[in-house]
C-alpha atoms as a PDB file:
ATOM      1  CA  UNK A   1     -10.798  41.840   4.665  1.00  0.00           C
ATOM      2  CA  UNK A   2      -9.042  42.854   7.860  1.00  0.00           C
ATOM      3  CA  UNK A   3      -8.170  46.698   5.939  1.00  0.00           C
ATOM      4  CA  UNK A   4     -11.400  46.883   5.091  1.00  0.00           C
ATOM      5  CA  UNK A   5     -12.897  46.460   8.579  1.00  0.00           C
ATOM      6  CA  UNK A   6     -10.151  48.981   9.972  1.00  0.00           C
ATOM      7  CA  UNK A   7     -11.674  51.611   7.067  1.00  0.00           C
ATOM      8  CA  UNK A   8     -15.304  50.978   8.087  1.00  0.00           C
ATOM      9  CA  UNK A   9     -14.202  51.687  12.219  1.00  0.00           C
ATOM     10  CA  UNK A  10     -12.439  54.792  11.324  1.00  0.00           C
ATOM     11  CA  UNK A  11     -15.179  56.136   9.193  1.00  0.00           C
ATOM     12  CA  UNK A  12     -17.779  54.854  12.040  1.00  0.00           C
ATOM     13  CA  UNK A  13     -15.807  56.677  14.720  1.00  0.00           C
ATOM     14  CA  UNK A  14     -15.370  59.701  12.647  1.00  0.00           C
ATOM     15  CA  UNK A  15     -19.242  59.551  11.822  1.00  0.00           C
ATOM     16  CA  UNK A  16     -19.632  59.410  15.790  1.00  0.00           C
ATOM     17  CA  UNK A  17     -17.630  62.460  16.352  1.00  0.00           C
ATOM     18  CA  UNK A  18     -19.203  64.485  14.039  1.00  0.00           C
ATOM     19  CA  UNK A  19     -22.834  63.601  15.433  1.00  0.00           C
ATOM     20  CA  UNK A  20     -21.303  64.926  18.688  1.00  0.00           C
ATOM     21  CA  UNK A  21     -19.928  67.952  17.573  1.00  0.00           C
ATOM     22  CA  UNK A  22     -21.330  70.767  20.169  1.00  0.00           C
ATOM     23  CA  UNK A  23     -22.956  68.021  22.296  1.00  0.00           C
ATOM     24  CA  UNK A  24     -20.572  69.487  24.918  1.00  0.00           C
ATOM     25  CA  UNK A  25     -20.017  72.805  23.889  1.00  0.00           C
ATOM     26  CA  UNK A  26     -19.315  74.769  27.090  1.00  0.00           C
ATOM     27  CA  UNK A  27     -19.492  71.505  29.399  1.00  0.00           C
ATOM     28  CA  UNK A  28     -15.839  72.663  31.021  1.00  0.00           C
ATOM     29  CA  UNK A  29     -16.480  75.954  30.134  1.00  0.00           C
ATOM     30  CA  UNK A  30     -13.343  76.468  28.263  1.00  0.00           C
ATOM     31  CA  UNK A  31     -12.400  79.979  27.161  1.00  0.00           C
ATOM     32  CA  UNK A  32     -14.767  81.027  24.053  1.00  0.00           C
ATOM     33  CA  UNK A  33     -15.155  84.167  22.484  1.00  0.00           C
ATOM     34  CA  UNK A  34     -18.754  85.022  23.015  1.00  0.00           C
ATOM     35  CA  UNK A  35     -18.646  87.956  21.810  1.00  0.00           C
ATOM     36  CA  UNK A  36     -18.754  91.639  23.992  1.00  0.00           C
ATOM     37  CA  UNK A  37     -20.100  90.231  26.965  1.00  0.00           C
ATOM     38  CA  UNK A  38     -17.929  92.015  30.144  1.00  0.00           C
ATOM     39  CA  UNK A  39     -18.423  91.880  33.711  1.00  0.00           C
ATOM     40  CA  UNK A  40     -19.397  95.084  35.129  1.00  0.00           C
ATOM     41  CA  UNK A  41     -22.695  97.143  36.282  1.00  0.00           C
ATOM     42  CA  UNK A  42     -25.380  98.558  34.079  1.00  0.00           C
ATOM     43  CA  UNK A  43     -28.198 100.741  35.941  1.00  0.00           C
ATOM     44  CA  UNK A  44     -31.620 102.829  35.738  1.00  0.00           C
ATOM     45  CA  UNK A  45     -31.904 106.309  36.285  1.00  0.00           C
ATOM     46  CA  UNK A  46     -33.394 105.693  39.561  1.00  0.00           C
ATOM     47  CA  UNK A  47     -30.253 104.385  41.040  1.00  0.00           C
ATOM     48  CA  UNK A  48     -31.683 101.439  42.956  1.00  0.00           C
ATOM     49  CA  UNK A  49     -32.049  98.832  40.052  1.00  0.00           C
ATOM     50  CA  UNK A  50     -29.143  97.535  37.805  1.00  0.00           C
ATOM     51  CA  UNK A  51     -27.792  94.801  36.429  1.00  0.00           C
ATOM     52  CA  UNK A  52     -24.368  92.641  37.153  1.00  0.00           C
ATOM     53  CA  UNK A  53     -23.313  90.982  33.853  1.00  0.00           C
ATOM     54  CA  UNK A  54     -20.209  88.443  35.058  1.00  0.00           C
ATOM     55  CA  UNK A  55     -17.624  86.134  33.174  1.00  0.00           C
ATOM     56  CA  UNK A  56     -17.646  83.434  35.756  1.00  0.00           C
ATOM     57  CA  UNK A  57     -16.428  80.516  33.654  1.00  0.00           C
ATOM     58  CA  UNK A  58     -13.901  80.086  35.495  1.00  0.00           C
ATOM     59  CA  UNK A  59     -13.980  77.630  38.455  1.00  0.00           C
ATOM     60  CA  UNK A  60     -10.339  79.409  39.703  1.00  0.00           C
ATOM     61  CA  UNK A  61     -11.513  82.553  41.240  1.00  0.00           C
ATOM     62  CA  UNK A  62     -13.632  83.968  43.333  1.00  0.00           C
ATOM     63  CA  UNK A  63     -15.487  87.544  41.856  1.00  0.00           C
ATOM     64  CA  UNK A  64     -16.194  89.787  45.180  1.00  0.00           C
ATOM     65  CA  UNK A  65     -18.855  92.081  44.688  1.00  0.00           C
ATOM     66  CA  UNK A  66     -19.460  95.290  46.359  1.00  0.00           C
ATOM     67  CA  UNK A  67     -23.040  96.380  46.123  1.00  0.00           C
ATOM     68  CA  UNK A  68     -22.548  99.463  47.575  1.00  0.00           C
ATOM     69  CA  UNK A  69     -19.794 100.843  45.688  1.00  0.00           C
ATOM     70  CA  UNK A  70     -20.734  98.788  42.264  1.00  0.00           C
ATOM     71  CA  UNK A  71     -17.059  97.344  42.248  1.00  0.00           C
ATOM     72  CA  UNK A  72     -16.141  93.955  41.527  1.00  0.00           C
ATOM     73  CA  UNK A  73     -12.446  92.310  42.506  1.00  0.00           C
ATOM     74  CA  UNK A  74     -11.012  88.853  40.935  1.00  0.00           C
ATOM     75  CA  UNK A  75      -9.031  86.716  43.753  1.00  0.00           C
ATOM     76  CA  UNK A  76      -7.609  83.610  42.820  1.00  0.00           C
ATOM     77  CA  UNK A  77      -8.533  80.403  44.734  1.00  0.00           C
ATOM     78  CA  UNK A  78      -5.904  79.137  46.630  1.00  0.00           C
ATOM     79  CA  UNK A  79      -4.355  76.510  45.385  1.00  0.00           C
ATOM     80  CA  UNK A  80      -1.219  75.412  48.012  1.00  0.00           C
ATOM     81  CA  UNK A  81      -0.364  75.276  51.225  1.00  0.00           C
ATOM     82  CA  UNK A  82       2.719  78.014  51.540  1.00  0.00           C
ATOM     83  CA  UNK A  83       2.150  78.763  55.662  1.00  0.00           C
ATOM     84  CA  UNK A  84       0.483  77.038  58.659  1.00  0.00           C
ATOM     85  CA  UNK A  85      -2.298  75.344  57.770  1.00  0.00           C
ATOM     86  CA  UNK A  86      -5.903  77.096  59.204  1.00  0.00           C
ATOM     87  CA  UNK A  87      -7.002  73.099  59.634  1.00  0.00           C
ATOM     88  CA  UNK A  88      -9.614  73.160  57.461  1.00  0.00           C
ATOM     89  CA  UNK A  89      -9.011  74.743  54.100  1.00  0.00           C
ATOM     90  CA  UNK A  90      -8.510  71.908  51.639  1.00  0.00           C
ATOM     91  CA  UNK A  91      -9.045  70.740  47.962  1.00  0.00           C
ATOM     92  CA  UNK A  92     -11.288  67.113  48.479  1.00  0.00           C
ATOM     93  CA  UNK A  93     -11.613  64.966  45.743  1.00  0.00           C
ATOM     94  CA  UNK A  94     -14.912  62.995  45.999  1.00  0.00           C
ATOM     95  CA  UNK A  95     -16.252  60.223  44.047  1.00  0.00           C
ATOM     96  CA  UNK A  96     -19.820  61.365  43.489  1.00  0.00           C
ATOM     97  CA  UNK A  97     -23.095  59.642  43.417  1.00  0.00           C
ATOM     98  CA  UNK A  98     -26.620  61.490  43.584  1.00  0.00           C
ATOM     99  CA  UNK A  99     -26.214  63.165  47.233  1.00  0.00           C
ATOM    100  CA  UNK A 100     -23.300  60.861  48.390  1.00  0.00           C
ATOM    101  CA  UNK A 101     -19.750  61.756  48.379  1.00  0.00           C
ATOM    102  CA  UNK A 102     -17.143  59.351  48.991  1.00  0.00           C
ATOM    103  CA  UNK A 103     -13.776  61.148  50.048  1.00  0.00           C
ATOM    104  CA  UNK A 104     -10.735  59.527  47.616  1.00  0.00           C
ATOM    105  CA  UNK A 105      -7.929  62.142  48.552  1.00  0.00           C
ATOM    106  CA  UNK A 106      -7.191  65.547  50.190  1.00  0.00           C
ATOM    107  CA  UNK A 107      -4.719  68.192  49.508  1.00  0.00           C
ATOM    108  CA  UNK A 108      -4.258  71.230  52.269  1.00  0.00           C
ATOM    109  CA  UNK A 109      -4.069  74.745  50.915  1.00  0.00           C
ATOM    110  CA  UNK A 110      -3.798  78.135  52.384  1.00  0.00           C
ATOM    111  CA  UNK A 111      -6.696  80.224  53.611  1.00  0.00           C
ATOM    112  CA  UNK A 112      -8.928  81.879  51.352  1.00  0.00           C
ATOM    113  CA  UNK A 113      -7.772  85.686  50.655  1.00  0.00           C
ATOM    114  CA  UNK A 114     -10.755  87.549  50.598  1.00  0.00           C
ATOM    115  CA  UNK A 115     -11.458  91.200  49.307  1.00  0.00           C
ATOM    116  CA  UNK A 116     -11.102  94.215  51.904  1.00  0.00           C
ATOM    117  CA  UNK A 117     -14.595  95.448  50.820  1.00  0.00           C
ATOM    118  CA  UNK A 118     -17.448  93.297  49.593  1.00  0.00           C
ATOM    119  CA  UNK A 119     -21.060  91.789  50.060  1.00  0.00           C
ATOM    120  CA  UNK A 120     -21.316  88.866  47.895  1.00  0.00           C
ATOM    121  CA  UNK A 121     -18.588  86.994  46.416  1.00  0.00           C
ATOM    122  CA  UNK A 122     -19.114  84.336  43.317  1.00  0.00           C
ATOM    123  CA  UNK A 123     -17.205  81.366  42.233  1.00  0.00           C
ATOM    124  CA  UNK A 124     -19.058  79.975  39.214  1.00  0.00           C
ATOM    125  CA  UNK A 125     -22.553  79.473  40.289  1.00  0.00           C
ATOM    126  CA  UNK A 126     -21.651  79.173  43.950  1.00  0.00           C
ATOM    127  CA  UNK A 127     -22.337  82.169  46.202  1.00  0.00           C
ATOM    128  CA  UNK A 128     -21.171  83.400  49.758  1.00  0.00           C
ATOM    129  CA  UNK A 129     -21.844  86.789  51.834  1.00  0.00           C
ATOM    130  CA  UNK A 130     -19.503  88.683  53.827  1.00  0.00           C
ATOM    131  CA  UNK A 131     -21.190  88.069  56.856  1.00  0.00           C
ATOM    132  CA  UNK A 132     -24.769  88.593  55.914  1.00  0.00           C
ATOM    133  CA  UNK A 133     -28.331  86.036  55.260  1.00  0.00           C
ATOM    134  CA  UNK A 134     -30.417  85.034  52.468  1.00  0.00           C
ATOM    135  CA  UNK A 135     -33.891  84.113  51.799  1.00  0.00           C
ATOM    136  CA  UNK A 136     -35.039  82.698  48.707  1.00  0.00           C
ATOM    137  CA  UNK A 137     -38.906  84.275  47.571  1.00  0.00           C
ATOM    138  CA  UNK A 138     -41.723  82.588  45.967  1.00  0.00           C
ATOM    139  CA  UNK A 139     -41.107  85.584  43.220  1.00  0.00           C
ATOM    140  CA  UNK A 140     -39.881  85.023  39.792  1.00  0.00           C
ATOM    141  CA  UNK A 141     -39.342  89.026  39.120  1.00  0.00           C
ATOM    142  CA  UNK A 142     -38.263  91.887  41.442  1.00  0.00           C
ATOM    143  CA  UNK A 143     -40.608  94.300  39.712  1.00  0.00           C
ATOM    144  CA  UNK A 144     -43.381  91.609  41.236  1.00  0.00           C
ATOM    145  CA  UNK A 145     -41.842  91.118  44.824  1.00  0.00           C
ATOM    146  CA  UNK A 146     -42.824  93.778  47.387  1.00  0.00           C
ATOM    147  CA  UNK A 147     -41.817  97.002  46.860  1.00  0.00           C
ATOM    148  CA  UNK A 148     -39.338  96.961  50.099  1.00  0.00           C
ATOM    149  CA  UNK A 149     -37.712  94.272  52.404  1.00  0.00           C
ATOM    150  CA  UNK A 150     -39.935  95.076  55.002  1.00  0.00           C
ATOM    151  CA  UNK A 151     -42.361  92.639  53.680  1.00  0.00           C
ATOM    152  CA  UNK A 152     -39.725  89.897  55.200  1.00  0.00           C
ATOM    153  CA  UNK A 153     -39.019  91.315  58.414  1.00  0.00           C
ATOM    154  CA  UNK A 154     -40.109  88.178  60.027  1.00  0.00           C
ATOM    155  CA  UNK A 155     -38.797  85.900  57.526  1.00  0.00           C
ATOM    156  CA  UNK A 156     -35.733  83.325  58.327  1.00  0.00           C
ATOM    157  CA  UNK A 157     -32.856  84.193  56.783  1.00  0.00           C
ATOM    158  CA  UNK A 158     -29.862  81.742  56.138  1.00  0.00           C
ATOM    159  CA  UNK A 159     -26.438  82.669  56.694  1.00  0.00           C
ATOM    160  CA  UNK A 160     -23.436  81.297  55.264  1.00  0.00           C
ATOM    161  CA  UNK A 161     -21.943  77.810  56.304  1.00  0.00           C
ATOM    162  CA  UNK A 162     -18.783  75.914  55.583  1.00  0.00           C
ATOM    163  CA  UNK A 163     -19.216  72.976  52.663  1.00  0.00           C
ATOM    164  CA  UNK A 164     -16.679  71.047  51.684  1.00  0.00           C
ATOM    165  CA  UNK A 165     -18.355  69.480  48.736  1.00  0.00           C
ATOM    166  CA  UNK A 166     -19.905  72.653  47.059  1.00  0.00           C
ATOM    167  CA  UNK A 167     -17.205  74.801  45.068  1.00  0.00           C
ATOM    168  CA  UNK A 168     -15.556  72.518  42.671  1.00  0.00           C
ATOM    169  CA  UNK A 169     -12.238  73.362  41.021  1.00  0.00           C
ATOM    170  CA  UNK A 170     -11.683  70.252  38.712  1.00  0.00           C
ATOM    171  CA  UNK A 171     -14.245  68.858  36.268  1.00  0.00           C
ATOM    172  CA  UNK A 172     -12.051  67.012  34.262  1.00  0.00           C
ATOM    173  CA  UNK A 173     -12.989  63.751  35.987  1.00  0.00           C
ATOM    174  CA  UNK A 174     -16.724  64.043  36.245  1.00  0.00           C
ATOM    175  CA  UNK A 175     -17.329  61.319  33.449  1.00  0.00           C
ATOM    176  CA  UNK A 176     -16.313  58.975  35.775  1.00  0.00           C
ATOM    177  CA  UNK A 177     -18.211  60.492  38.993  1.00  0.00           C
ATOM    178  CA  UNK A 178     -14.530  61.988  40.591  1.00  0.00           C
ATOM    179  CA  UNK A 179     -14.667  65.919  41.196  1.00  0.00           C
ATOM    180  CA  UNK A 180     -12.078  68.375  42.927  1.00  0.00           C
ATOM    181  CA  UNK A 181     -13.624  70.228  45.442  1.00  0.00           C
ATOM    182  CA  UNK A 182     -12.491  73.440  47.542  1.00  0.00           C
ATOM    183  CA  UNK A 183     -14.180  74.434  50.991  1.00  0.00           C
ATOM    184  CA  UNK A 184     -15.649  77.288  51.631  1.00  0.00           C
ATOM    185  CA  UNK A 185     -18.222  79.266  53.248  1.00  0.00           C
ATOM    186  CA  UNK A 186     -21.250  78.991  50.996  1.00  0.00           C
ATOM    187  CA  UNK A 187     -24.514  80.730  51.358  1.00  0.00           C
ATOM    188  CA  UNK A 188     -26.640  77.396  50.621  1.00  0.00           C
ATOM    189  CA  UNK A 189     -29.690  79.305  49.790  1.00  0.00           C
ATOM    190  CA  UNK A 190     -28.165  81.802  47.146  1.00  0.00           C
ATOM    191  CA  UNK A 191     -26.209  78.980  45.543  1.00  0.00           C
ATOM    192  CA  UNK A 192     -29.838  77.351  44.665  1.00  0.00           C
ATOM    193  CA  UNK A 193     -30.184  79.602  41.964  1.00  0.00           C
ATOM    194  CA  UNK A 194     -28.387  77.198  39.807  1.00  0.00           C
ATOM    195  CA  UNK A 195     -28.143  73.696  40.660  1.00  0.00           C
ATOM    196  CA  UNK A 196     -26.357  70.962  38.524  1.00  0.00           C
ATOM    197  CA  UNK A 197     -27.408  67.454  38.766  1.00  0.00           C
ATOM    198  CA  UNK A 198     -24.425  65.019  38.063  1.00  0.00           C
ATOM    199  CA  UNK A 199     -26.323  61.915  38.252  1.00  0.00           C
ATOM    200  CA  UNK A 200     -25.651  61.105  34.689  1.00  0.00           C
ATOM    201  CA  UNK A 201     -23.274  63.065  33.349  1.00  0.00           C
ATOM    202  CA  UNK A 202     -22.832  65.573  31.526  1.00  0.00           C
ATOM    203  CA  UNK A 203     -24.606  67.174  34.410  1.00  0.00           C
ATOM    204  CA  UNK A 204     -28.167  68.886  33.916  1.00  0.00           C
ATOM    205  CA  UNK A 205     -28.091  72.309  34.730  1.00  0.00           C
ATOM    206  CA  UNK A 206     -31.453  73.680  36.345  1.00  0.00           C
ATOM    207  CA  UNK A 207     -32.109  77.825  37.431  1.00  0.00           C
ATOM    208  CA  UNK A 208     -34.684  78.672  40.142  1.00  0.00           C
ATOM    209  CA  UNK A 209     -35.673  81.756  38.667  1.00  0.00           C
ATOM    210  CA  UNK A 210     -36.889  83.163  42.249  1.00  0.00           C
ATOM    211  CA  UNK A 211     -36.305  86.696  43.471  1.00  0.00           C
ATOM    212  CA  UNK A 212     -33.548  86.242  46.750  1.00  0.00           C
ATOM    213  CA  UNK A 213     -33.374  88.707  49.389  1.00  0.00           C
ATOM    214  CA  UNK A 214     -29.780  89.401  50.732  1.00  0.00           C
ATOM    215  CA  UNK A 215     -29.163  90.743  54.185  1.00  0.00           C
ATOM    216  CA  UNK A 216     -25.902  92.431  54.709  1.00  0.00           C
ATOM    217  CA  UNK A 217     -23.798  92.687  58.037  1.00  0.00           C
ATOM    218  CA  UNK A 218     -24.721  96.701  57.557  1.00  0.00           C
ATOM    219  CA  UNK A 219     -28.128  95.889  57.945  1.00  0.00           C
ATOM    220  CA  UNK A 220     -29.298  96.656  54.332  1.00  0.00           C
ATOM    221  CA  UNK A 221     -31.041  94.466  51.742  1.00  0.00           C
ATOM    222  CA  UNK A 222     -30.588  93.737  48.125  1.00  0.00           C
ATOM    223  CA  UNK A 223     -32.881  91.708  46.205  1.00  0.00           C
ATOM    224  CA  UNK A 224     -31.283  89.514  43.858  1.00  0.00           C
ATOM    225  CA  UNK A 225     -32.506  87.724  40.974  1.00  0.00           C
ATOM    226  CA  UNK A 226     -30.336  85.381  38.199  1.00  0.00           C
ATOM    227  CA  UNK A 227     -31.428  86.230  34.860  1.00  0.00           C
ATOM    228  CA  UNK A 228     -29.426  83.997  32.945  1.00  0.00           C
ATOM    229  CA  UNK A 229     -26.454  81.384  33.704  1.00  0.00           C
ATOM    230  CA  UNK A 230     -25.200  81.211  29.937  1.00  0.00           C
ATOM    231  CA  UNK A 231     -23.862  82.902  26.792  1.00  0.00           C
ATOM    232  CA  UNK A 232     -26.127  83.883  23.903  1.00  0.00           C
ATOM    233  CA  UNK A 233     -24.186  80.863  22.895  1.00  0.00           C
ATOM    234  CA  UNK A 234     -25.045  78.570  25.655  1.00  0.00           C
ATOM    235  CA  UNK A 235     -21.512  78.999  27.087  1.00  0.00           C
ATOM    236  CA  UNK A 236     -22.112  77.961  31.052  1.00  0.00           C
ATOM    237  CA  UNK A 237     -20.808  80.509  33.480  1.00  0.00           C
ATOM    238  CA  UNK A 238     -21.951  83.754  32.169  1.00  0.00           C
ATOM    239  CA  UNK A 239     -24.397  85.461  34.720  1.00  0.00           C
ATOM    240  CA  UNK A 240     -26.572  88.423  34.450  1.00  0.00           C
ATOM    241  CA  UNK A 241     -27.975  89.500  37.821  1.00  0.00           C
ATOM    242  CA  UNK A 242     -30.842  91.594  38.205  1.00  0.00           C
ATOM    243  CA  UNK A 243     -30.389  93.825  41.645  1.00  0.00           C
ATOM    244  CA  UNK A 244     -32.107  95.779  43.173  1.00  0.00           C
ATOM    245  CA  UNK A 245     -30.099  97.896  46.178  1.00  0.00           C
ATOM    246  CA  UNK A 246     -30.797  99.453  48.473  1.00  0.00           C
ATOM    247  CA  UNK A 247     -34.105  97.399  48.785  1.00  0.00           C
END
């Protein structure tokens, strides 16, 4: 009788695994073969409109994008402290419930090394600027937005700010609401182009579909719109970005 019960439990467990197959595909953005999607630029004939395709599945790197030169440089996130601590660069282990972050543990790390020449940097879905600022518009297509950034001359742009619970670096404790974050400068407006709701794991992803105006430190502007944040197979972290620069 006991043997039959064990067999029944084994069959039931196997059927549960089979029914869940694929339910968490891309949840931790593990490396999978998603075809020919590679990071890079593709442009139009007029030179001002182009797309950026970026494989940003990794939580371990920042991808530094130069819109002026159309180049991308990848740099790892600081993971250890090898020299003098700058007083704020750290990994923080938070227990996350809705908008409440309860600190569990802190690990000091080196200051993040940035690229020499860049305009925006992307970490998975997080975005920071190189001394710039951003504005969210009501438009859902660059073609529908005003022809130039002059239309937003008097608008309120948001600069980057220091965040300790924006940039996820370790997702493995997510099912128990425990997540490691790295501290970083982040543009909270641009980073709204994709949001993740952790109220009931696994997270629910949502894209704003909005056009964002980026004002760079040299005074030039770009229009940005995240077209997609996943691959054709549904793997999270593959970004396709529409860009107009100069705007």
